Protein backbone atom coordinates (compact mmCIF):
# COMPACT_ATOMS: atom_id res chain seq x y z
CA MET A 1 9.67 13.93 23.95
CA VAL A 2 11.66 13.98 20.71
CA LYS A 3 10.28 16.27 18.02
CA TYR A 4 10.91 14.77 14.60
CA ASP A 5 11.61 17.02 11.61
CA PHE A 6 9.47 16.12 8.60
CA ASP A 7 10.23 19.43 6.86
CA ARG A 8 13.84 18.48 6.22
CA GLN A 9 14.70 18.24 2.52
CA ILE A 10 16.84 15.20 1.73
CA GLU A 11 18.42 14.73 -1.69
CA ARG A 12 17.77 11.19 -2.92
CA ARG A 13 19.09 11.47 -6.47
CA GLY A 14 22.16 9.39 -7.10
CA THR A 15 21.46 7.01 -4.21
CA GLY A 16 19.81 4.33 -6.33
CA ALA A 17 16.38 5.39 -5.11
CA LEU A 18 13.66 4.12 -7.44
CA LYS A 19 11.65 7.28 -6.82
CA THR A 20 14.32 9.57 -8.31
CA ASP A 21 16.79 7.50 -10.27
CA ALA A 22 14.20 5.69 -12.41
CA LEU A 23 12.50 8.87 -13.64
CA GLU A 24 14.26 8.91 -17.01
CA ALA A 25 13.37 5.28 -17.68
CA ARG A 26 9.78 5.54 -16.41
CA TYR A 27 8.76 9.03 -17.54
CA GLY A 28 11.29 10.03 -20.19
CA LYS A 29 12.54 12.94 -18.08
CA ALA A 30 14.97 12.94 -15.17
CA ASP A 31 14.23 16.40 -13.78
CA LEU A 32 10.69 15.76 -12.55
CA LEU A 33 9.45 16.34 -9.00
CA PRO A 34 8.80 12.74 -7.88
CA LEU A 35 5.48 12.16 -6.11
CA TRP A 36 4.78 8.68 -7.35
CA VAL A 37 6.09 5.38 -5.91
CA ALA A 38 4.80 4.71 -2.40
CA ASP A 39 7.74 5.43 -0.18
CA MET A 40 8.15 8.66 1.77
CA ASP A 41 10.80 11.35 1.55
CA PHE A 42 11.06 11.53 5.34
CA GLU A 43 14.15 10.21 7.08
CA THR A 44 13.86 6.61 8.16
CA PRO A 45 13.44 6.87 11.96
CA PRO A 46 16.77 7.23 13.74
CA PHE A 47 16.11 4.34 16.13
CA ILE A 48 15.85 1.99 13.13
CA ILE A 49 19.04 3.36 11.58
CA GLU A 50 20.80 2.97 14.93
CA ALA A 51 19.66 -0.65 15.32
CA LEU A 52 21.01 -1.48 11.86
CA ARG A 53 24.23 0.43 12.54
CA LYS A 54 24.78 -1.47 15.77
CA ARG A 55 24.53 -4.78 13.93
CA LEU A 56 27.01 -3.54 11.34
CA GLU A 57 29.57 -3.05 14.08
CA HIS A 58 30.09 -6.80 13.88
CA PRO A 59 32.24 -7.56 10.82
CA ILE A 60 30.55 -10.80 9.73
CA LEU A 61 27.23 -10.82 7.90
CA GLY A 62 26.67 -14.56 7.75
CA TYR A 63 23.65 -16.81 8.01
CA THR A 64 21.42 -15.78 10.89
CA ILE A 65 18.55 -17.08 12.98
CA GLU A 66 15.44 -15.12 13.89
CA PRO A 67 15.87 -13.09 17.09
CA ALA A 68 13.86 -14.49 19.99
CA ASP A 69 11.91 -11.26 20.39
CA TYR A 70 11.04 -10.90 16.68
CA TRP A 71 7.58 -12.43 16.62
CA PRO A 72 6.56 -11.46 20.17
CA VAL A 73 7.14 -7.82 19.24
CA VAL A 74 5.02 -8.24 16.09
CA GLN A 75 2.26 -9.95 18.08
CA GLU A 76 2.27 -7.22 20.70
CA TRP A 77 2.05 -4.47 18.04
CA ILE A 78 -0.89 -6.11 16.28
CA LEU A 79 -2.78 -6.66 19.53
CA LYS A 80 -2.18 -3.11 20.75
CA HIS A 81 -3.06 -1.36 17.50
CA HIS A 82 -5.71 -3.62 15.99
CA GLY A 83 -7.10 -5.67 18.88
CA TRP A 84 -6.16 -8.89 17.13
CA LYS A 85 -4.60 -11.66 19.22
CA VAL A 86 -2.37 -13.38 16.70
CA GLU A 87 -0.86 -16.70 17.71
CA ARG A 88 2.81 -17.34 17.05
CA GLU A 89 2.19 -20.25 14.66
CA TRP A 90 0.04 -18.01 12.46
CA LEU A 91 3.04 -15.84 11.51
CA ARG A 92 5.71 -16.29 8.86
CA TYR A 93 8.14 -13.98 7.12
CA ILE A 94 7.52 -13.43 3.41
CA PRO A 95 9.93 -11.70 1.00
CA GLY A 96 7.51 -8.93 0.00
CA ILE A 97 3.75 -8.65 -0.33
CA VAL A 98 3.65 -8.62 -4.13
CA LYS A 99 5.87 -11.70 -4.14
CA GLY A 100 3.59 -13.20 -1.53
CA ILE A 101 0.61 -12.81 -3.84
CA GLY A 102 2.51 -14.70 -6.53
CA MET A 103 3.33 -17.42 -4.02
CA VAL A 104 -0.31 -17.83 -3.03
CA ILE A 105 -1.29 -18.10 -6.69
CA ASN A 106 1.27 -20.80 -7.34
CA ALA A 107 0.62 -22.66 -4.08
CA PHE A 108 -3.17 -22.81 -4.38
CA LEU A 109 -4.44 -22.17 -7.93
CA LYS A 110 -4.54 -24.56 -10.85
CA PRO A 111 -3.52 -23.11 -14.24
CA ASP A 112 -7.14 -22.64 -15.35
CA GLU A 113 -8.34 -20.99 -12.12
CA LYS A 114 -9.04 -17.27 -11.79
CA VAL A 115 -8.27 -14.29 -9.59
CA ILE A 116 -10.78 -11.56 -8.70
CA ILE A 117 -9.67 -7.95 -8.19
CA GLN A 118 -11.64 -4.79 -7.37
CA PRO A 119 -10.46 -1.85 -9.50
CA PRO A 120 -9.43 0.86 -9.22
CA VAL A 121 -6.73 -0.93 -7.28
CA TYR A 122 -2.98 -1.36 -6.88
CA HIS A 123 -1.77 -2.51 -10.27
CA PRO A 124 0.29 -5.59 -9.20
CA PHE A 125 -3.03 -7.16 -8.18
CA ARG A 126 -3.59 -7.47 -11.94
CA LEU A 127 -0.02 -7.86 -13.14
CA VAL A 128 1.00 -10.71 -10.83
CA PRO A 129 -1.87 -13.06 -11.78
CA GLU A 130 -1.45 -12.21 -15.45
CA GLY A 131 2.29 -12.80 -15.23
CA ASN A 132 1.56 -16.19 -13.68
CA ARG A 133 -0.84 -16.97 -16.55
CA ARG A 134 -4.04 -16.79 -14.54
CA GLU A 135 -7.15 -15.06 -15.78
CA VAL A 136 -8.13 -11.89 -13.92
CA VAL A 137 -11.82 -11.25 -13.21
CA TYR A 138 -12.89 -7.65 -12.57
CA ASN A 139 -15.30 -6.66 -9.82
CA PRO A 140 -15.13 -2.84 -10.05
CA LEU A 141 -15.89 -0.72 -7.02
CA ILE A 142 -18.92 1.54 -7.09
CA GLU A 143 -18.07 5.23 -7.16
CA ASN A 144 -20.37 7.08 -4.78
CA ALA A 145 -21.69 10.62 -5.24
CA ASP A 146 -19.09 12.05 -2.86
CA GLY A 147 -16.21 10.40 -4.73
CA SER A 148 -15.77 7.57 -2.24
CA TYR A 149 -16.14 3.89 -3.17
CA SER A 150 -18.18 0.88 -2.09
CA MET A 151 -17.95 -2.80 -2.95
CA ASP A 152 -20.34 -4.01 -5.64
CA PHE A 153 -21.70 -7.31 -4.37
CA GLU A 154 -24.27 -7.68 -7.14
CA ASN A 155 -21.53 -7.48 -9.73
CA LEU A 156 -19.37 -9.87 -7.70
CA GLU A 157 -22.17 -12.42 -7.83
CA ALA A 158 -22.50 -11.91 -11.59
CA VAL A 159 -18.81 -12.19 -12.54
CA CYS A 160 -17.83 -15.00 -10.18
CA ASP A 161 -17.88 -18.54 -11.57
CA GLU A 162 -16.65 -21.92 -10.36
CA LYS A 163 -13.12 -21.19 -11.61
CA CYS A 164 -12.69 -18.15 -9.35
CA ARG A 165 -10.49 -19.31 -6.48
CA LEU A 166 -8.76 -16.19 -5.17
CA LEU A 167 -9.79 -12.60 -4.39
CA ILE A 168 -7.13 -10.00 -3.64
CA LEU A 169 -8.36 -7.38 -1.20
CA SER A 170 -6.69 -4.01 -0.65
CA ASN A 171 -7.38 -3.16 3.01
CA PRO A 172 -6.79 -0.25 3.56
CA HIS A 173 -7.45 0.44 -0.07
CA ASN A 174 -4.73 1.63 -2.44
CA PRO A 175 -5.14 4.08 -4.20
CA ALA A 176 -8.32 5.52 -2.63
CA GLY A 177 -7.29 5.25 1.04
CA ILE A 178 -10.48 3.47 2.14
CA LEU A 179 -10.74 1.85 5.55
CA TRP A 180 -13.27 -0.84 4.76
CA ASP A 181 -16.11 -1.09 7.27
CA ALA A 182 -16.83 -4.28 9.17
CA GLU A 183 -20.14 -4.95 7.42
CA SER A 184 -18.57 -4.83 3.93
CA LEU A 185 -15.78 -7.14 5.07
CA ARG A 186 -18.22 -9.58 6.67
CA ARG A 187 -20.33 -9.66 3.53
CA LEU A 188 -17.26 -10.27 1.40
CA ALA A 189 -16.10 -13.02 3.75
CA ALA A 190 -19.47 -14.76 3.64
CA PHE A 191 -19.49 -14.67 -0.15
CA CYS A 192 -15.95 -15.98 -0.56
CA HIS A 193 -16.15 -18.61 2.15
CA SER A 194 -19.36 -20.08 0.73
CA ARG A 195 -17.69 -20.50 -2.68
CA GLY A 196 -14.31 -21.76 -1.55
CA ILE A 197 -12.52 -18.55 -2.55
CA ILE A 198 -9.36 -17.59 -0.69
CA VAL A 199 -9.01 -13.92 0.22
CA VAL A 200 -5.53 -12.43 0.27
CA SER A 201 -5.88 -9.24 2.33
CA ASP A 202 -3.06 -6.80 1.64
CA GLU A 203 -2.93 -4.75 4.85
CA ILE A 204 0.43 -3.04 4.36
CA HIS A 205 -1.10 0.41 5.12
CA CYS A 206 -2.93 -0.83 8.24
CA ASP A 207 -0.87 1.22 10.69
CA MET A 208 -1.54 4.47 8.83
CA ALA A 209 -5.20 5.11 9.65
CA LEU A 210 -5.79 8.89 9.72
CA TRP A 211 -8.06 11.34 11.57
CA GLY A 212 -8.41 9.04 14.59
CA LEU A 213 -10.00 6.26 12.53
CA ARG A 214 -9.21 2.56 12.97
CA HIS A 215 -8.27 -0.18 10.57
CA ILE A 216 -10.22 -3.44 10.77
CA PRO A 217 -8.22 -6.57 9.87
CA PHE A 218 -10.25 -8.68 7.44
CA ALA A 219 -9.63 -11.95 9.30
CA THR A 220 -11.19 -10.58 12.52
CA VAL A 221 -14.67 -9.74 11.25
CA SER A 222 -16.19 -13.25 11.31
CA PRO A 223 -15.34 -16.95 11.58
CA GLU A 224 -15.81 -17.18 7.80
CA ALA A 225 -13.21 -14.45 7.26
CA ALA A 226 -10.72 -16.22 9.51
CA ALA A 227 -11.33 -19.49 7.69
CA CYS A 228 -10.77 -18.23 4.15
CA SER A 229 -8.07 -15.57 4.46
CA ILE A 230 -4.35 -14.98 4.25
CA THR A 231 -3.28 -11.57 5.58
CA PHE A 232 -0.13 -9.77 4.50
CA ALA A 233 1.34 -6.83 6.45
CA ALA A 234 4.65 -5.07 7.10
CA PRO A 235 6.18 -2.08 8.90
CA SER A 236 7.68 -0.88 5.63
CA LYS A 237 5.19 1.80 4.56
CA THR A 238 4.63 3.19 8.04
CA PHE A 239 8.30 3.51 8.96
CA ASN A 240 9.72 4.17 5.47
CA ILE A 241 11.84 1.03 5.24
CA ALA A 242 10.63 -0.39 1.92
CA GLY A 243 14.22 -1.20 0.97
CA VAL A 244 14.43 -3.52 3.99
CA VAL A 245 11.98 -6.22 2.98
CA SER A 246 10.11 -6.81 6.23
CA SER A 247 6.76 -8.33 5.23
CA TYR A 248 4.96 -11.11 7.03
CA SER A 249 1.96 -13.36 6.62
CA ILE A 250 -0.81 -14.15 9.11
CA VAL A 251 -2.92 -17.27 8.57
CA SER A 252 -5.24 -18.42 11.33
CA ASP A 253 -6.94 -21.30 9.50
CA PRO A 254 -4.91 -24.51 10.03
CA LEU A 255 -5.59 -26.00 6.59
CA LEU A 256 -4.67 -22.87 4.68
CA ARG A 257 -1.71 -22.35 6.99
CA GLU A 258 -0.29 -25.84 6.52
CA ARG A 259 -0.56 -25.68 2.75
CA PHE A 260 0.86 -22.17 2.36
CA TYR A 261 3.57 -22.37 5.00
CA SER A 262 4.80 -25.77 3.84
CA TYR A 263 5.16 -24.20 0.38
CA LEU A 264 7.12 -21.28 1.84
CA LYS A 265 9.33 -23.60 3.87
CA ALA A 266 10.04 -25.97 0.99
CA ASN A 267 11.35 -23.07 -1.07
CA GLU A 268 12.99 -21.23 1.85
CA TYR A 269 10.87 -18.17 1.15
CA ASP A 270 10.18 -17.79 4.88
CA ASP A 271 13.83 -17.19 5.87
CA ALA A 272 14.13 -13.54 6.85
CA PRO A 273 17.33 -11.80 5.71
CA ILE A 274 19.56 -10.38 8.41
CA PHE A 275 18.21 -6.82 8.58
CA ALA A 276 14.45 -7.47 8.35
CA PRO A 277 13.91 -8.62 11.95
CA ILE A 278 16.26 -5.95 13.31
CA ALA A 279 14.37 -3.14 11.55
CA THR A 280 10.97 -4.62 12.46
CA ILE A 281 11.79 -4.96 16.15
CA ALA A 282 13.12 -1.39 16.32
CA ALA A 283 10.08 -0.02 14.47
CA TYR A 284 7.47 -1.79 16.57
CA ARG A 285 9.26 -1.41 19.89
CA GLU A 286 10.32 2.24 19.61
CA GLY A 287 8.26 3.72 16.81
CA GLU A 288 4.90 4.78 18.26
CA GLU A 289 5.77 8.43 18.86
CA TRP A 290 7.43 8.76 15.45
CA ARG A 291 4.37 7.17 13.83
CA ARG A 292 2.03 9.56 15.64
CA GLN A 293 3.97 12.65 14.58
CA MET A 294 4.34 11.39 11.00
CA LEU A 295 0.60 10.77 10.64
CA GLU A 296 -0.16 14.23 12.00
CA TYR A 297 2.20 15.75 9.44
CA VAL A 298 0.67 13.69 6.62
CA GLU A 299 -2.80 14.85 7.67
CA GLY A 300 -1.57 18.44 7.34
CA ASN A 301 -0.25 17.68 3.87
CA ILE A 302 -3.59 16.18 2.84
CA GLU A 303 -5.43 19.24 4.12
CA SER A 304 -3.03 21.42 2.13
CA VAL A 305 -3.80 19.52 -1.07
CA ILE A 306 -7.57 19.66 -0.55
CA SER A 307 -7.66 23.36 0.33
CA TYR A 308 -5.20 24.36 -2.42
CA CYS A 309 -7.13 22.53 -5.14
CA ALA A 310 -10.46 23.94 -3.95
CA ALA A 311 -9.10 27.48 -4.06
CA ASN A 312 -6.85 27.31 -7.12
CA ILE A 313 -7.61 24.23 -9.26
CA PRO A 314 -11.30 23.46 -8.68
CA ALA A 315 -11.45 21.13 -11.70
CA ILE A 316 -9.19 18.74 -9.76
CA LYS A 317 -10.90 17.07 -6.80
CA PRO A 318 -8.82 15.15 -4.25
CA LEU A 319 -10.52 12.35 -2.32
CA ARG A 320 -9.72 12.64 1.37
CA PRO A 321 -8.05 9.32 2.30
CA GLN A 322 -8.90 7.54 5.51
CA ALA A 323 -5.47 5.91 5.59
CA SER A 324 -1.96 6.23 4.14
CA PHE A 325 0.00 9.03 2.49
CA LEU A 326 -1.52 8.50 -0.96
CA VAL A 327 -4.19 10.87 -2.29
CA TRP A 328 -6.46 9.81 -5.16
CA ILE A 329 -7.20 12.88 -7.25
CA ASP A 330 -10.06 13.12 -9.73
CA CYS A 331 -8.92 15.07 -12.79
CA ARG A 332 -11.92 14.30 -15.00
CA GLY A 333 -13.11 17.90 -14.64
CA LEU A 334 -10.24 18.92 -16.92
CA ALA A 335 -11.88 16.96 -19.77
CA LEU A 336 -8.54 15.63 -21.01
CA SER A 337 -7.74 12.30 -22.61
CA HIS A 338 -5.43 9.95 -20.75
CA GLU A 339 -2.50 10.98 -22.92
CA GLU A 340 -3.29 14.67 -22.48
CA LEU A 341 -3.55 14.28 -18.71
CA VAL A 342 -0.17 12.56 -18.51
CA GLU A 343 1.35 15.31 -20.67
CA LEU A 344 -0.15 17.95 -18.38
CA PHE A 345 1.49 16.47 -15.29
CA VAL A 346 4.77 15.32 -16.81
CA GLY A 347 5.38 17.64 -19.73
CA LYS A 348 3.84 20.88 -18.48
CA ALA A 349 4.00 20.64 -14.68
CA GLY A 350 7.19 18.61 -14.41
CA LEU A 351 5.62 16.18 -11.94
CA ALA A 352 5.87 12.40 -11.70
CA LEU A 353 2.67 10.82 -10.31
CA ASN A 354 1.11 7.42 -10.88
CA ASP A 355 -1.62 7.81 -13.48
CA GLY A 356 -5.02 6.37 -12.81
CA ALA A 357 -5.06 4.14 -15.88
CA MET A 358 -2.63 1.72 -14.26
CA PHE A 359 -5.12 1.25 -11.41
CA GLY A 360 -8.02 0.87 -13.84
CA ALA A 361 -9.35 4.46 -13.66
CA PRO A 362 -8.25 6.83 -16.46
CA GLY A 363 -8.82 10.47 -15.55
CA PHE A 364 -7.36 10.07 -12.05
CA MET A 365 -3.87 10.51 -10.62
CA ARG A 366 -2.34 9.12 -7.42
CA LEU A 367 -0.39 11.72 -5.46
CA ASN A 368 2.17 10.74 -2.81
CA VAL A 369 2.10 13.39 -0.06
CA GLY A 370 4.73 11.68 2.10
CA CYS A 371 7.17 14.53 1.58
CA PRO A 372 8.16 17.88 3.13
CA ARG A 373 5.31 20.38 2.85
CA ALA A 374 7.47 22.79 0.88
CA THR A 375 7.93 20.12 -1.79
CA LEU A 376 4.20 19.49 -1.93
CA LEU A 377 3.34 23.19 -2.23
CA THR A 378 5.89 23.57 -5.03
CA ALA A 379 4.21 20.69 -6.84
CA LEU A 380 0.74 22.18 -6.41
CA GLU A 381 1.91 25.55 -7.71
CA ARG A 382 3.44 23.86 -10.76
CA LEU A 383 0.18 22.03 -11.34
CA ARG A 384 -1.86 25.23 -11.04
CA CYS A 385 0.31 26.94 -13.65
CA ALA A 386 0.07 23.95 -15.97
CA VAL A 387 -3.72 23.79 -15.69
CA ASN A 388 -4.02 27.54 -16.27
CA SER A 389 -1.85 27.20 -19.37
CA LEU A 390 -4.49 24.93 -20.90
CA ASN A 391 -6.67 28.03 -21.33
CA ASP A 392 -3.73 30.36 -22.02
CA ILE A 393 -4.35 32.09 -18.68
CA GLU A 394 -0.63 32.09 -18.06
């Protein structure tokens, strides 16, 4: 068995990496330790690199067709990992999940129709509808006593009107790492189906369930869920290939499928570029052992964050995620304003994280732990010193 090295430090500056080379533009400082945008600092698996390299041995990069084993490999992966038998006609390539959300909005919603989101949540869920001139309706999650979240169905009933036609679901949830339970998903499906609301379920983190837990695809929980949903997924987060746009859509309902996929086809949005199928096939065919070792390493990083904060920065409380390499950290115990909190992380600690305000929750930060443990421990030590400096301890 190959033992993969997740401790290896790889310099990404100067490679055009968003994570490093956009720091000056995004944060005003280029020398920050980047723990923000959701890609990992681990090497892309060697079997994916080798598959791409093999294709590059041929000197012509012209128009291509989809490999015959592309969709069968995707179907097999989904069935094995999520128990979902997806038919071939349900699947189409899409050029990115955020772009896919915009496509659903433009394919299905009239200009005066609305989109429901459940903050705190991934900020493009708000930005894409707003950018497409649709009103966004907020159905905030309930924060539980232990820091976890639940859906607020009473509020959903109150804020939803006849113009609400789309709900964007983060499943698993970004930024809190929630694996939604079947009962919550069934209840949401029943609500949306009865009102003619389409659910776009963003399941890009579905293959990163932690601690032996399992992801539940929204469309599988009930006939109502299958009838009202469009699911988006990709190997990109799991196998660190975000730069190879490898997303796909799953639509089991024939009416939704015909309308959405005819829109994709008419605009040629469903034509996969040359490297997407190659990377996807390699990831899903050869990637299980790499995925297992990566998740184990990420779990160790999460434990490191939780134990370090408890021992050294008790005012900061990380929420243990059930999925993904993103940790939602509650900084409200520091009693800082949003601007002061950003200054603490960026100006004093020299760290680049996503601040909670962009997700709809000031006082929080989103920490990307998909990095070598030494990098993470350096970041935590910087944060400890910065927090201590607030009280002139150091």
